[in-house]
């Protein structure tokens, strides 16, 4: 399969209650070490995606605002097929052609000095986790780079 250089994505434009998404042509992500590229066939739309797009969680102590590092691409409920692996000979167990899902937690640090990751039970509480559609581009695009772990 040939992977294109660009893709279509639903990208947030504006902010607050008047924010909207528009289809834009953006680059297909370049894989970092330990990542795989998933060609998405499906993505859900969760109420939390709407809340992030419209800054509905901007008040109070949490201040959950879509981060610039997400490039305006929300979504955390995607499914597709692995089309590329950065470390093809790595221990991830993934192969090109495997079906894969993309979830809210895009990755955790996995560091041995991280109490949450090291105990093997609390990765969901890793303080350095990355989240699809919040801190990294989400599933409202044709191709998404995600952690192969």
N, C-alpha and C. Protein backbone atom coordinates (compact mmCIF):
# COMPACT_ATOMS: atom_id res chain seq x y z
N UNK A 1 0.83 -1.18 0.00
CA UNK A 1 0.00 0.00 0.00
C UNK A 1 0.87 1.24 0.00
N UNK A 2 0.52 2.18 -0.82
CA UNK A 2 1.22 3.46 -0.87
C UNK A 2 0.58 4.41 0.12
N UNK A 3 1.40 5.00 0.96
CA UNK A 3 0.91 5.95 1.95
C UNK A 3 1.08 7.36 1.37
N UNK A 4 0.00 8.11 1.30
CA UNK A 4 0.11 9.46 0.73
C UNK A 4 0.88 10.40 1.65
N UNK A 5 1.28 11.53 1.12
CA UNK A 5 1.97 12.55 1.91
C UNK A 5 0.99 13.42 2.69
N UNK A 6 -0.23 13.56 2.15
CA UNK A 6 -1.24 14.37 2.81
C UNK A 6 -2.52 13.56 2.98
N UNK A 7 -3.41 14.05 3.85
CA UNK A 7 -4.65 13.37 4.16
C UNK A 7 -5.72 14.42 4.48
N UNK A 8 -6.97 13.97 4.51
CA UNK A 8 -8.06 14.83 4.95
C UNK A 8 -8.25 14.65 6.45
N UNK A 9 -8.58 15.75 7.11
CA UNK A 9 -8.84 15.72 8.55
C UNK A 9 -9.90 16.75 8.89
N UNK A 10 -10.67 16.45 9.92
CA UNK A 10 -11.62 17.41 10.47
C UNK A 10 -10.86 18.20 11.53
N UNK A 11 -10.59 19.45 11.23
CA UNK A 11 -9.73 20.29 12.07
C UNK A 11 -10.55 21.39 12.73
N UNK A 12 -10.35 21.56 14.00
CA UNK A 12 -11.03 22.61 14.76
C UNK A 12 -10.60 23.99 14.25
N UNK A 13 -11.60 24.84 14.06
CA UNK A 13 -11.37 26.23 13.64
C UNK A 13 -12.09 27.11 14.65
N UNK A 14 -11.39 28.06 15.21
CA UNK A 14 -11.98 28.94 16.20
C UNK A 14 -11.89 28.34 17.59
N UNK A 15 -12.63 28.95 18.50
CA UNK A 15 -12.61 28.48 19.88
C UNK A 15 -13.94 28.78 20.55
N UNK A 16 -14.13 28.16 21.68
CA UNK A 16 -15.34 28.40 22.45
C UNK A 16 -16.59 27.88 21.76
N UNK A 17 -17.72 28.46 22.12
CA UNK A 17 -19.02 27.99 21.63
C UNK A 17 -19.17 28.11 20.12
N UNK A 18 -18.42 29.01 19.49
CA UNK A 18 -18.55 29.18 18.04
C UNK A 18 -17.53 28.35 17.26
N UNK A 19 -16.71 27.58 17.93
CA UNK A 19 -15.74 26.73 17.22
C UNK A 19 -16.48 25.75 16.32
N UNK A 20 -15.84 25.39 15.24
CA UNK A 20 -16.40 24.41 14.32
C UNK A 20 -15.25 23.56 13.78
N UNK A 21 -15.58 22.54 13.05
CA UNK A 21 -14.54 21.77 12.38
C UNK A 21 -14.74 21.91 10.88
N UNK A 22 -13.64 21.91 10.17
CA UNK A 22 -13.71 21.93 8.72
C UNK A 22 -12.72 20.91 8.17
N UNK A 23 -13.06 20.36 7.01
CA UNK A 23 -12.18 19.38 6.38
C UNK A 23 -11.01 20.13 5.75
N UNK A 24 -9.81 19.75 6.16
CA UNK A 24 -8.59 20.36 5.65
C UNK A 24 -7.64 19.27 5.18
N UNK A 25 -6.75 19.64 4.31
CA UNK A 25 -5.68 18.74 3.86
C UNK A 25 -4.48 19.00 4.77
N UNK A 26 -4.02 17.97 5.46
CA UNK A 26 -2.89 18.10 6.38
C UNK A 26 -1.88 16.99 6.08
N UNK A 27 -0.65 17.12 6.55
CA UNK A 27 0.34 16.06 6.31
C UNK A 27 -0.03 14.76 7.05
N UNK A 28 0.28 13.64 6.42
CA UNK A 28 0.22 12.37 7.13
C UNK A 28 1.36 12.40 8.13
N UNK A 29 1.12 12.00 9.39
CA UNK A 29 2.17 12.12 10.40
C UNK A 29 3.39 11.25 10.10
N UNK A 30 4.55 11.78 10.46
CA UNK A 30 5.79 11.01 10.39
C UNK A 30 5.91 10.24 11.70
N UNK A 31 6.26 8.98 11.61
CA UNK A 31 6.33 8.15 12.80
C UNK A 31 7.57 8.43 13.63
N UNK A 32 7.38 8.46 14.92
CA UNK A 32 8.48 8.57 15.88
C UNK A 32 8.84 7.16 16.34
N UNK A 33 9.98 6.98 16.99
CA UNK A 33 10.34 5.64 17.47
C UNK A 33 9.23 5.04 18.33
N UNK A 34 8.92 3.77 18.08
CA UNK A 34 7.91 3.06 18.85
C UNK A 34 6.48 3.29 18.39
N UNK A 35 6.30 4.01 17.29
CA UNK A 35 4.95 4.29 16.81
C UNK A 35 4.58 3.45 15.60
N UNK A 36 3.27 3.36 15.37
CA UNK A 36 2.75 2.74 14.15
C UNK A 36 1.74 3.70 13.53
N UNK A 37 1.53 3.53 12.24
CA UNK A 37 0.58 4.36 11.51
C UNK A 37 -0.65 3.51 11.22
N UNK A 38 -1.82 4.02 11.61
CA UNK A 38 -3.08 3.32 11.41
C UNK A 38 -3.91 4.11 10.40
N UNK A 39 -4.33 3.41 9.33
CA UNK A 39 -5.29 3.99 8.39
C UNK A 39 -6.66 3.75 8.99
N UNK A 40 -7.32 4.84 9.35
CA UNK A 40 -8.60 4.72 10.04
C UNK A 40 -9.73 4.40 9.09
N UNK A 41 -10.56 3.45 9.49
CA UNK A 41 -11.76 3.11 8.74
C UNK A 41 -13.00 3.64 9.43
N UNK A 42 -12.88 3.94 10.71
CA UNK A 42 -14.03 4.36 11.51
C UNK A 42 -13.55 5.21 12.67
N UNK A 43 -14.35 6.21 13.03
CA UNK A 43 -14.10 6.97 14.25
C UNK A 43 -15.44 7.36 14.85
N UNK A 44 -15.56 7.15 16.14
CA UNK A 44 -16.75 7.58 16.85
C UNK A 44 -16.66 9.05 17.19
N UNK A 45 -17.79 9.60 17.52
CA UNK A 45 -17.87 10.98 18.00
C UNK A 45 -18.41 10.92 19.42
N UNK A 46 -17.58 11.23 20.37
CA UNK A 46 -17.93 11.17 21.78
C UNK A 46 -18.31 12.57 22.26
N UNK A 47 -19.15 12.64 23.26
CA UNK A 47 -19.52 13.94 23.83
C UNK A 47 -18.29 14.69 24.32
N UNK A 48 -17.26 13.97 24.76
CA UNK A 48 -16.05 14.66 25.21
C UNK A 48 -15.32 15.34 24.04
N UNK A 49 -15.44 14.80 22.82
CA UNK A 49 -14.84 15.47 21.66
C UNK A 49 -15.53 16.82 21.44
N UNK A 50 -16.84 16.83 21.50
CA UNK A 50 -17.60 18.08 21.37
C UNK A 50 -17.18 19.07 22.46
N UNK A 51 -17.03 18.56 23.68
CA UNK A 51 -16.64 19.44 24.79
C UNK A 51 -15.25 20.03 24.59
N UNK A 52 -14.31 19.22 24.08
CA UNK A 52 -12.96 19.75 23.82
C UNK A 52 -12.98 20.76 22.67
N UNK A 53 -13.73 20.45 21.62
CA UNK A 53 -13.79 21.37 20.47
C UNK A 53 -14.37 22.72 20.89
N UNK A 54 -15.37 22.72 21.77
CA UNK A 54 -16.04 23.95 22.16
C UNK A 54 -15.56 24.54 23.49
N UNK A 55 -14.44 24.04 24.01
CA UNK A 55 -13.87 24.56 25.27
C UNK A 55 -14.86 24.52 26.43
N UNK A 56 -15.69 23.51 26.47
CA UNK A 56 -16.71 23.42 27.52
C UNK A 56 -16.13 23.05 28.88
N UNK A 57 -14.89 22.60 28.90
CA UNK A 57 -14.26 22.24 30.17
C UNK A 57 -13.22 23.29 30.57
N UNK A 58 -13.44 24.53 30.16
CA UNK A 58 -12.44 25.57 30.42
C UNK A 58 -12.59 26.21 31.80
N UNK A 59 -13.68 25.98 32.49
CA UNK A 59 -13.87 26.58 33.81
C UNK A 59 -13.47 25.62 34.91
N UNK A 60 -13.35 26.14 36.10
CA UNK A 60 -13.05 25.30 37.25
C UNK A 60 -11.58 24.94 37.35
N UNK A 61 -11.31 23.99 38.21
CA UNK A 61 -9.92 23.62 38.52
C UNK A 61 -9.27 22.80 37.41
N UNK A 62 -10.05 22.02 36.66
CA UNK A 62 -9.47 21.09 35.69
C UNK A 62 -8.84 21.80 34.50
N UNK A 63 -9.51 22.80 33.94
CA UNK A 63 -9.01 23.52 32.77
C UNK A 63 -8.56 22.56 31.66
N UNK A 64 -9.46 21.70 31.21
CA UNK A 64 -9.15 20.77 30.13
C UNK A 64 -9.44 21.44 28.79
N UNK A 65 -8.41 21.97 28.18
CA UNK A 65 -8.51 22.61 26.88
C UNK A 65 -7.68 21.83 25.88
N UNK A 66 -8.21 21.64 24.67
CA UNK A 66 -7.44 20.97 23.63
C UNK A 66 -6.10 21.69 23.48
N UNK A 67 -5.03 20.95 23.55
CA UNK A 67 -3.70 21.52 23.51
C UNK A 67 -3.27 21.79 22.06
N UNK A 68 -2.44 22.80 21.84
CA UNK A 68 -1.95 23.07 20.48
C UNK A 68 -1.27 21.85 19.84
N UNK A 69 -0.68 21.00 20.66
CA UNK A 69 0.00 19.80 20.13
C UNK A 69 -0.98 18.82 19.47
N UNK A 70 -2.28 18.97 19.71
CA UNK A 70 -3.29 18.12 19.05
C UNK A 70 -3.61 18.62 17.65
N UNK A 71 -3.08 19.77 17.28
CA UNK A 71 -3.25 20.35 15.94
C UNK A 71 -4.72 20.50 15.55
N UNK A 72 -5.61 20.61 16.54
CA UNK A 72 -7.02 20.81 16.26
C UNK A 72 -7.78 19.57 15.83
N UNK A 73 -7.13 18.40 15.91
CA UNK A 73 -7.77 17.15 15.46
C UNK A 73 -8.24 16.37 16.69
N UNK A 74 -9.56 16.37 16.90
CA UNK A 74 -10.15 15.65 18.03
C UNK A 74 -10.34 14.17 17.67
N UNK A 75 -10.94 13.43 18.58
CA UNK A 75 -11.28 12.03 18.34
C UNK A 75 -10.42 11.06 19.11
N UNK A 76 -11.08 10.10 19.77
CA UNK A 76 -10.34 9.09 20.52
C UNK A 76 -11.02 7.72 20.49
N UNK A 77 -11.84 7.52 19.46
CA UNK A 77 -12.54 6.23 19.32
C UNK A 77 -12.40 5.78 17.87
N UNK A 78 -11.20 5.39 17.48
CA UNK A 78 -10.96 5.03 16.09
C UNK A 78 -10.56 3.58 15.91
N UNK A 79 -10.83 3.06 14.73
CA UNK A 79 -10.42 1.70 14.38
C UNK A 79 -9.99 1.68 12.93
N UNK A 80 -8.97 0.88 12.66
CA UNK A 80 -8.47 0.78 11.30
C UNK A 80 -7.46 -0.33 11.16
N UNK A 81 -6.52 -0.13 10.24
CA UNK A 81 -5.53 -1.14 9.91
C UNK A 81 -4.13 -0.53 9.98
N UNK A 82 -3.19 -1.26 10.56
CA UNK A 82 -1.80 -0.83 10.62
C UNK A 82 -1.23 -0.83 9.20
N UNK A 83 -0.68 0.32 8.77
CA UNK A 83 -0.10 0.42 7.44
C UNK A 83 1.40 0.65 7.47
N UNK A 84 1.95 1.00 8.63
CA UNK A 84 3.39 1.21 8.75
C UNK A 84 3.80 1.11 10.20
N UNK A 85 5.04 0.67 10.41
CA UNK A 85 5.64 0.59 11.75
C UNK A 85 6.98 1.29 11.69
N UNK A 86 7.26 2.12 12.67
CA UNK A 86 8.56 2.81 12.70
C UNK A 86 9.68 1.81 13.00
N UNK A 87 9.43 0.91 13.94
CA UNK A 87 10.42 -0.09 14.33
C UNK A 87 9.88 -1.46 13.93
N UNK A 88 9.99 -1.77 12.64
CA UNK A 88 9.39 -2.99 12.10
C UNK A 88 9.90 -4.26 12.79
N UNK A 89 11.09 -4.21 13.32
CA UNK A 89 11.64 -5.41 13.97
C UNK A 89 11.55 -5.32 15.50
N UNK A 90 10.79 -4.36 16.00
CA UNK A 90 10.68 -4.17 17.44
C UNK A 90 9.79 -5.20 18.11
N UNK A 91 9.70 -5.15 19.42
CA UNK A 91 8.96 -6.16 20.19
C UNK A 91 7.46 -5.91 20.31
N UNK A 92 6.91 -4.97 19.54
CA UNK A 92 5.50 -4.60 19.74
C UNK A 92 4.53 -5.73 19.39
N UNK A 93 4.91 -6.61 18.48
CA UNK A 93 4.02 -7.68 18.06
C UNK A 93 3.08 -7.29 16.93
N UNK A 94 3.03 -6.02 16.57
CA UNK A 94 2.16 -5.56 15.49
C UNK A 94 2.78 -5.88 14.15
N UNK A 95 1.91 -6.11 13.16
CA UNK A 95 2.35 -6.31 11.78
C UNK A 95 1.47 -5.45 10.87
N UNK A 96 2.04 -5.05 9.75
CA UNK A 96 1.26 -4.33 8.76
C UNK A 96 0.09 -5.23 8.36
N UNK A 97 -1.11 -4.65 8.32
CA UNK A 97 -2.31 -5.39 7.99
C UNK A 97 -3.15 -5.76 9.20
N UNK A 98 -2.57 -5.67 10.42
CA UNK A 98 -3.34 -5.96 11.63
C UNK A 98 -4.40 -4.88 11.86
N UNK A 99 -5.56 -5.29 12.38
CA UNK A 99 -6.59 -4.35 12.81
C UNK A 99 -6.14 -3.74 14.13
N UNK A 100 -6.43 -2.45 14.31
CA UNK A 100 -6.00 -1.76 15.53
C UNK A 100 -7.04 -0.73 15.93
N UNK A 101 -7.12 -0.49 17.22
CA UNK A 101 -7.99 0.54 17.76
C UNK A 101 -7.16 1.66 18.38
N UNK A 102 -7.71 2.86 18.33
CA UNK A 102 -7.06 4.02 18.93
C UNK A 102 -7.99 4.55 19.99
N UNK A 103 -7.45 4.74 21.16
CA UNK A 103 -8.27 5.09 22.32
C UNK A 103 -7.84 6.42 22.92
N UNK A 104 -8.48 6.81 24.02
CA UNK A 104 -8.19 8.07 24.71
C UNK A 104 -6.73 8.16 25.11
N UNK A 105 -6.22 7.15 25.80
CA UNK A 105 -4.81 7.18 26.19
C UNK A 105 -3.97 6.73 25.01
N UNK A 106 -3.31 7.69 24.38
CA UNK A 106 -2.49 7.40 23.21
C UNK A 106 -1.18 6.73 23.63
N UNK A 107 -0.63 7.15 24.76
CA UNK A 107 0.58 6.51 25.29
C UNK A 107 0.82 6.94 26.72
N UNK A 108 1.58 6.13 27.41
CA UNK A 108 2.07 6.47 28.74
C UNK A 108 3.59 6.45 28.68
N UNK A 109 4.22 6.98 29.69
CA UNK A 109 5.69 7.09 29.62
C UNK A 109 6.38 5.74 29.71
N UNK A 110 5.83 4.82 30.50
CA UNK A 110 6.44 3.50 30.64
C UNK A 110 7.78 3.50 31.35
N UNK A 111 8.15 4.61 31.95
CA UNK A 111 9.46 4.72 32.60
C UNK A 111 9.51 3.92 33.90
N UNK A 112 10.64 3.28 34.16
CA UNK A 112 10.77 2.50 35.39
C UNK A 112 10.66 3.35 36.65
N UNK A 113 10.91 4.67 36.56
CA UNK A 113 10.81 5.53 37.73
C UNK A 113 9.43 6.16 37.88
N UNK A 114 8.50 5.81 36.99
CA UNK A 114 7.12 6.30 37.09
C UNK A 114 6.32 5.30 37.92
N UNK A 115 5.91 5.71 39.10
CA UNK A 115 5.18 4.80 39.99
C UNK A 115 3.94 4.21 39.32
N UNK A 116 3.26 5.00 38.51
CA UNK A 116 2.01 4.54 37.88
C UNK A 116 2.28 3.51 36.79
N UNK A 117 3.32 3.72 36.01
CA UNK A 117 3.64 2.78 34.93
C UNK A 117 4.38 1.54 35.44
N UNK A 118 5.24 1.73 36.42
CA UNK A 118 6.11 0.63 36.87
C UNK A 118 5.36 -0.47 37.61
N UNK A 119 4.23 -0.14 38.24
CA UNK A 119 3.56 -1.19 39.02
C UNK A 119 2.68 -2.08 38.15
N UNK A 120 2.50 -1.72 36.86
CA UNK A 120 1.76 -2.57 35.95
C UNK A 120 0.25 -2.55 36.12
N UNK A 121 -0.27 -1.69 36.99
CA UNK A 121 -1.71 -1.63 37.23
C UNK A 121 -2.31 -0.25 37.04
N UNK A 122 -1.51 0.77 37.09
CA UNK A 122 -2.04 2.14 37.15
C UNK A 122 -1.61 3.03 35.99
N UNK A 123 -1.32 2.44 34.82
CA UNK A 123 -0.86 3.25 33.69
C UNK A 123 -1.84 4.37 33.35
N UNK A 124 -3.13 4.15 33.61
CA UNK A 124 -4.13 5.18 33.31
C UNK A 124 -3.92 6.45 34.13
N UNK A 125 -3.11 6.38 35.14
CA UNK A 125 -2.84 7.54 35.99
C UNK A 125 -1.46 8.14 35.75
N UNK A 126 -0.78 7.68 34.71
CA UNK A 126 0.55 8.21 34.39
C UNK A 126 0.45 9.72 34.19
N UNK A 127 1.24 10.49 34.93
CA UNK A 127 1.15 11.95 34.80
C UNK A 127 1.72 12.47 33.48
N UNK A 128 2.44 11.61 32.73
CA UNK A 128 3.02 12.03 31.45
C UNK A 128 2.29 11.41 30.26
N UNK A 129 1.09 10.91 30.50
CA UNK A 129 0.35 10.28 29.40
C UNK A 129 0.00 11.31 28.34
N UNK A 130 -0.16 10.80 27.11
CA UNK A 130 -0.64 11.60 25.99
C UNK A 130 -2.02 11.09 25.62
N UNK A 131 -2.90 12.01 25.23
CA UNK A 131 -4.29 11.65 24.99
C UNK A 131 -4.72 12.04 23.58
N UNK A 132 -5.36 11.09 22.89
CA UNK A 132 -5.85 11.31 21.52
C UNK A 132 -6.89 12.42 21.50
N UNK A 133 -6.65 13.39 20.63
CA UNK A 133 -7.58 14.49 20.47
C UNK A 133 -7.50 15.56 21.54
N UNK A 134 -6.59 15.38 22.48
CA UNK A 134 -6.41 16.35 23.57
C UNK A 134 -4.98 16.89 23.57
N UNK A 135 -3.99 16.00 23.65
CA UNK A 135 -2.58 16.43 23.62
C UNK A 135 -1.86 15.97 22.36
N UNK A 136 -2.43 15.01 21.63
CA UNK A 136 -1.89 14.58 20.33
C UNK A 136 -3.06 14.51 19.35
N UNK A 137 -2.80 14.65 18.04
CA UNK A 137 -3.90 14.57 17.08
C UNK A 137 -4.68 13.27 17.23
N UNK A 138 -6.00 13.42 17.15
CA UNK A 138 -6.88 12.29 17.36
C UNK A 138 -7.31 11.59 16.09
N UNK A 139 -8.48 10.97 16.15
CA UNK A 139 -8.93 10.06 15.10
C UNK A 139 -9.84 10.71 14.05
N UNK A 140 -9.98 12.01 14.06
CA UNK A 140 -10.77 12.68 13.03
C UNK A 140 -9.87 13.01 11.84
N UNK A 141 -9.15 12.00 11.39
CA UNK A 141 -8.26 12.12 10.25
C UNK A 141 -8.16 10.74 9.59
N UNK A 142 -7.57 10.67 8.41
CA UNK A 142 -7.50 9.39 7.70
C UNK A 142 -6.41 8.48 8.23
N UNK A 143 -5.31 9.06 8.71
CA UNK A 143 -4.19 8.29 9.23
C UNK A 143 -3.80 8.86 10.59
N UNK A 144 -3.52 8.01 11.56
CA UNK A 144 -3.10 8.48 12.87
C UNK A 144 -1.86 7.71 13.30
N UNK A 145 -0.90 8.44 13.86
CA UNK A 145 0.29 7.82 14.46
C UNK A 145 -0.04 7.53 15.91
N UNK A 146 0.25 6.31 16.34
CA UNK A 146 -0.06 5.95 17.73
C UNK A 146 1.02 5.03 18.27
N UNK A 147 1.10 4.96 19.57
CA UNK A 147 2.09 4.15 20.26
C UNK A 147 1.85 2.67 19.94
N UNK A 148 2.88 1.97 19.54
CA UNK A 148 2.76 0.54 19.21
C UNK A 148 2.82 -0.35 20.44
N UNK A 149 3.06 0.26 21.61
CA UNK A 149 3.05 -0.58 22.82
C UNK A 149 1.64 -0.94 23.16
